[in-house]
Amino acid sequence: MSESKFEQFDFWGGAVVPEVSTEEPVKLSSLQQEWHNTISDTGGRCCVCDRWGKINPRTINATMARSFIWLCKEHNKRPGYRWVDVQTTAPRSVLRTSQLSSMKYWGLIERPALVENDPENPSLVKHTGMWRTTPRGWDFYFGNIAVPKKVFIYNDKVMKESEELVLLKDCFDTDFNYSEVMQSTFADD
């Protein structure tokens, strides 16, 4: 019997992925620490899967705040409605920026839970554009609470929150700054 050897391919570039030497075992914990160091700084590629990663800072800004206020007002215009279909009701200013969904990182808005094969709600699927303000969001809207000015996101999850807090009215002092997002690092804050 001949021993077959399977080659691994990098499907994006077509190059053969080099085999990892098994002479010196690498501990998973050391790879995890290396990856955490990489994504906490300026970002980089994973040594295992070649995925790009970085923990990105998001500062709550005026565009997010305007979109959030629109959602809250839309709820008030439609008593009894639990969800707002943003895709069909939002003005262009909200749709054009795609910033409303970022408010989920502060726990201020939420989308419906995915309900698969529910004959009662066939339209409730991931990313339908349905959103609602959370109780925390209403507290923020009415000025009862402050939220962290900045959150750090990786893989669509909040990794850390800044200690500096802001009220909704304070968010209008900050515009979105792409360069700031790209230059800031998790390790710096």
Protein backbone atom coordinates (compact mmCIF):
# COMPACT_ATOMS: atom_id res chain seq x y z
CA MET A 1 0.00 0.00 0.00
CA SER A 2 1.29 3.41 -0.86
CA GLU A 3 0.96 6.19 1.63
CA SER A 4 -0.96 9.14 0.19
CA LYS A 5 0.00 12.61 1.16
CA PHE A 6 -2.65 15.32 1.18
CA GLU A 7 -1.61 18.84 0.40
CA GLN A 8 -3.28 21.84 1.95
CA PHE A 9 -4.07 24.82 -0.22
CA ASP A 10 -4.57 28.47 0.52
CA PHE A 11 -7.82 28.94 -1.38
CA TRP A 12 -7.39 32.72 -1.62
CA GLY A 13 -3.92 32.73 -3.11
CA GLY A 14 -3.66 29.18 -4.39
CA ALA A 15 -0.29 28.55 -2.72
CA VAL A 16 0.42 25.40 -0.77
CA VAL A 17 0.40 26.03 2.98
CA PRO A 18 3.68 24.79 4.45
CA GLU A 19 3.45 21.88 6.86
CA VAL A 20 3.99 22.70 10.52
CA SER A 21 6.91 20.91 12.12
CA THR A 22 5.80 18.61 14.91
CA GLU A 23 9.26 18.27 16.38
CA GLU A 24 8.64 21.12 18.81
CA PRO A 25 5.02 21.15 20.00
CA VAL A 26 3.42 24.55 20.26
CA LYS A 27 1.07 25.09 23.15
CA LEU A 28 -2.35 26.43 22.29
CA SER A 29 -2.04 28.94 25.14
CA SER A 30 1.11 30.45 23.59
CA LEU A 31 -0.64 30.80 20.21
CA GLN A 32 -3.63 32.42 21.91
CA GLN A 33 -1.37 34.87 23.73
CA GLU A 34 0.49 35.69 20.51
CA TRP A 35 -2.83 36.33 18.73
CA HIS A 36 -4.10 38.51 21.58
CA ASN A 37 -0.88 40.57 21.43
CA THR A 38 -1.26 40.95 17.67
CA ILE A 39 -4.89 42.10 17.68
CA SER A 40 -4.36 44.36 20.71
CA ASP A 41 -1.73 46.39 18.90
CA THR A 42 -1.87 47.48 15.26
CA GLY A 43 -3.42 44.22 14.09
CA GLY A 44 -2.04 41.48 11.91
CA ARG A 45 -2.51 38.02 10.49
CA CYS A 46 -3.02 34.90 12.56
CA CYS A 47 -0.11 32.48 12.34
CA VAL A 48 -2.54 29.54 12.28
CA CYS A 49 -5.34 30.54 9.88
CA ASP A 50 -3.95 33.69 8.22
CA ARG A 51 -7.04 35.67 9.25
CA TRP A 52 -6.57 39.44 9.65
CA GLY A 53 -7.59 40.75 13.05
CA LYS A 54 -7.52 43.85 15.22
CA ILE A 55 -9.46 45.01 18.26
CA ASN A 56 -11.12 48.14 16.89
CA PRO A 57 -12.11 51.11 19.02
CA ARG A 58 -15.53 52.64 18.38
CA THR A 59 -16.35 56.04 19.82
CA ILE A 60 -20.00 56.90 20.09
CA ASN A 61 -20.41 59.82 17.69
CA ALA A 62 -22.91 62.35 16.38
CA THR A 63 -23.99 60.20 13.43
CA MET A 64 -24.74 57.27 15.74
CA ALA A 65 -26.59 59.57 18.13
CA ARG A 66 -28.76 61.08 15.37
CA SER A 67 -29.65 57.60 14.07
CA PHE A 68 -30.43 56.42 17.61
CA ILE A 69 -32.69 59.43 18.25
CA TRP A 70 -34.51 58.68 14.99
CA LEU A 71 -35.17 55.09 16.16
CA CYS A 72 -36.50 56.28 19.52
CA LYS A 73 -38.79 58.82 17.87
CA GLU A 74 -39.98 56.20 15.41
CA HIS A 75 -41.00 53.99 18.35
CA ASN A 76 -42.93 56.91 19.85
CA LYS A 77 -44.77 57.49 16.56
CA ARG A 78 -45.90 53.84 16.44
CA PRO A 79 -47.30 52.87 19.85
CA GLY A 80 -47.78 49.14 20.16
CA TYR A 81 -45.10 48.25 17.62
CA ARG A 82 -42.28 46.28 19.23
CA TRP A 83 -39.85 46.51 16.31
CA VAL A 84 -39.01 49.14 13.73
CA ASP A 85 -38.22 48.02 10.19
CA VAL A 86 -35.27 50.32 9.63
CA GLN A 87 -34.80 49.35 5.96
CA THR A 88 -38.31 50.48 4.99
CA THR A 89 -38.91 53.40 7.37
CA ALA A 90 -35.59 55.13 8.01
CA PRO A 91 -34.63 58.31 6.19
CA ARG A 92 -31.68 58.26 3.82
CA SER A 93 -29.47 59.94 6.41
CA VAL A 94 -29.83 56.88 8.67
CA LEU A 95 -29.53 54.26 5.91
CA ARG A 96 -26.61 55.94 4.18
CA THR A 97 -24.34 55.86 7.23
CA SER A 98 -25.06 52.36 8.58
CA GLN A 99 -24.17 53.69 12.04
CA LEU A 100 -27.42 52.81 13.82
CA SER A 101 -26.50 49.14 14.23
CA SER A 102 -23.29 50.16 16.05
CA MET A 103 -25.41 51.26 19.00
CA LYS A 104 -25.84 47.55 19.84
CA TYR A 105 -22.31 47.58 21.27
CA TRP A 106 -23.50 49.88 24.05
CA GLY A 107 -26.62 47.75 24.64
CA LEU A 108 -28.87 50.58 23.51
CA ILE A 109 -30.63 48.76 20.68
CA GLU A 110 -31.26 45.15 19.75
CA ARG A 111 -32.51 43.08 16.87
CA PRO A 112 -34.96 40.19 17.23
CA ALA A 113 -33.56 36.81 18.15
CA LEU A 114 -33.19 34.48 15.22
CA VAL A 115 -36.19 32.18 15.08
CA GLU A 116 -35.66 29.48 12.48
CA ASN A 117 -38.63 27.80 10.85
CA ASP A 118 -41.18 29.66 12.94
CA PRO A 119 -44.48 29.57 11.03
CA GLU A 120 -45.80 32.40 13.22
CA ASN A 121 -42.93 34.73 12.24
CA PRO A 122 -41.48 33.64 8.88
CA SER A 123 -39.78 37.01 8.40
CA LEU A 124 -37.72 36.84 11.62
CA VAL A 125 -34.35 35.86 10.23
CA LYS A 126 -30.87 37.21 10.77
CA HIS A 127 -30.34 40.75 9.48
CA THR A 128 -33.94 41.61 8.62
CA GLY A 129 -33.41 45.25 9.48
CA MET A 130 -35.76 45.08 12.46
CA TRP A 131 -34.46 46.93 15.54
CA ARG A 132 -35.81 48.26 18.81
CA THR A 133 -34.59 50.43 21.64
CA THR A 134 -33.69 48.50 24.81
CA PRO A 135 -34.66 49.63 28.33
CA ARG A 136 -31.04 50.77 28.74
CA GLY A 137 -31.41 52.67 25.48
CA TRP A 138 -34.51 54.48 26.74
CA ASP A 139 -32.62 55.46 29.90
CA PHE A 140 -29.82 56.84 27.72
CA TYR A 141 -32.32 58.65 25.46
CA PHE A 142 -33.98 60.38 28.42
CA GLY A 143 -30.63 61.33 29.99
CA ASN A 144 -30.98 59.02 32.99
CA ILE A 145 -27.70 57.18 32.37
CA ALA A 146 -24.33 57.76 30.75
CA VAL A 147 -22.55 55.10 28.68
CA PRO A 148 -18.86 54.49 27.92
CA LYS A 149 -17.62 56.92 25.31
CA LYS A 150 -15.60 54.20 23.61
CA VAL A 151 -15.88 50.43 23.24
CA PHE A 152 -13.34 48.02 21.80
CA ILE A 153 -14.74 45.47 19.37
CA TYR A 154 -13.34 42.18 18.15
CA ASN A 155 -15.31 39.59 16.22
CA ASP A 156 -18.51 41.62 16.78
CA LYS A 157 -18.11 41.46 20.58
CA VAL A 158 -17.19 44.15 23.10
CA MET A 159 -13.80 43.37 24.61
CA LYS A 160 -13.47 46.46 26.80
CA GLU A 161 -15.24 49.74 27.59
CA SER A 162 -13.62 53.08 28.30
CA GLU A 163 -13.90 54.56 31.75
CA GLU A 164 -14.97 57.93 30.31
CA LEU A 165 -18.76 58.18 30.19
CA VAL A 166 -21.02 60.32 27.99
CA LEU A 167 -24.64 61.38 27.95
CA LEU A 168 -26.55 61.44 24.67
CA LYS A 169 -26.15 65.24 24.39
CA ASP A 170 -22.34 64.83 24.64
CA CYS A 171 -22.21 62.58 21.57
CA PHE A 172 -22.75 65.53 19.24
CA ASP A 173 -19.27 66.81 20.08
CA THR A 174 -17.69 63.84 18.29
CA ASP A 175 -17.77 63.14 14.55
CA PHE A 176 -16.75 59.83 13.03
CA ASN A 177 -13.01 59.80 12.32
CA TYR A 178 -11.79 56.84 10.24
CA SER A 179 -8.10 57.68 10.78
CA GLU A 180 -8.60 57.67 14.55
CA VAL A 181 -10.22 54.24 14.39
CA MET A 182 -7.37 52.81 12.32
CA GLN A 183 -4.54 54.41 14.32
CA SER A 184 -5.88 53.73 17.81
CA THR A 185 -4.99 50.45 19.48
CA PHE A 186 -6.47 48.41 22.30
CA ALA A 187 -3.06 48.36 23.99
CA ASP A 188 -2.96 52.18 24.10
CA ASP A 189 -6.23 52.58 26.02
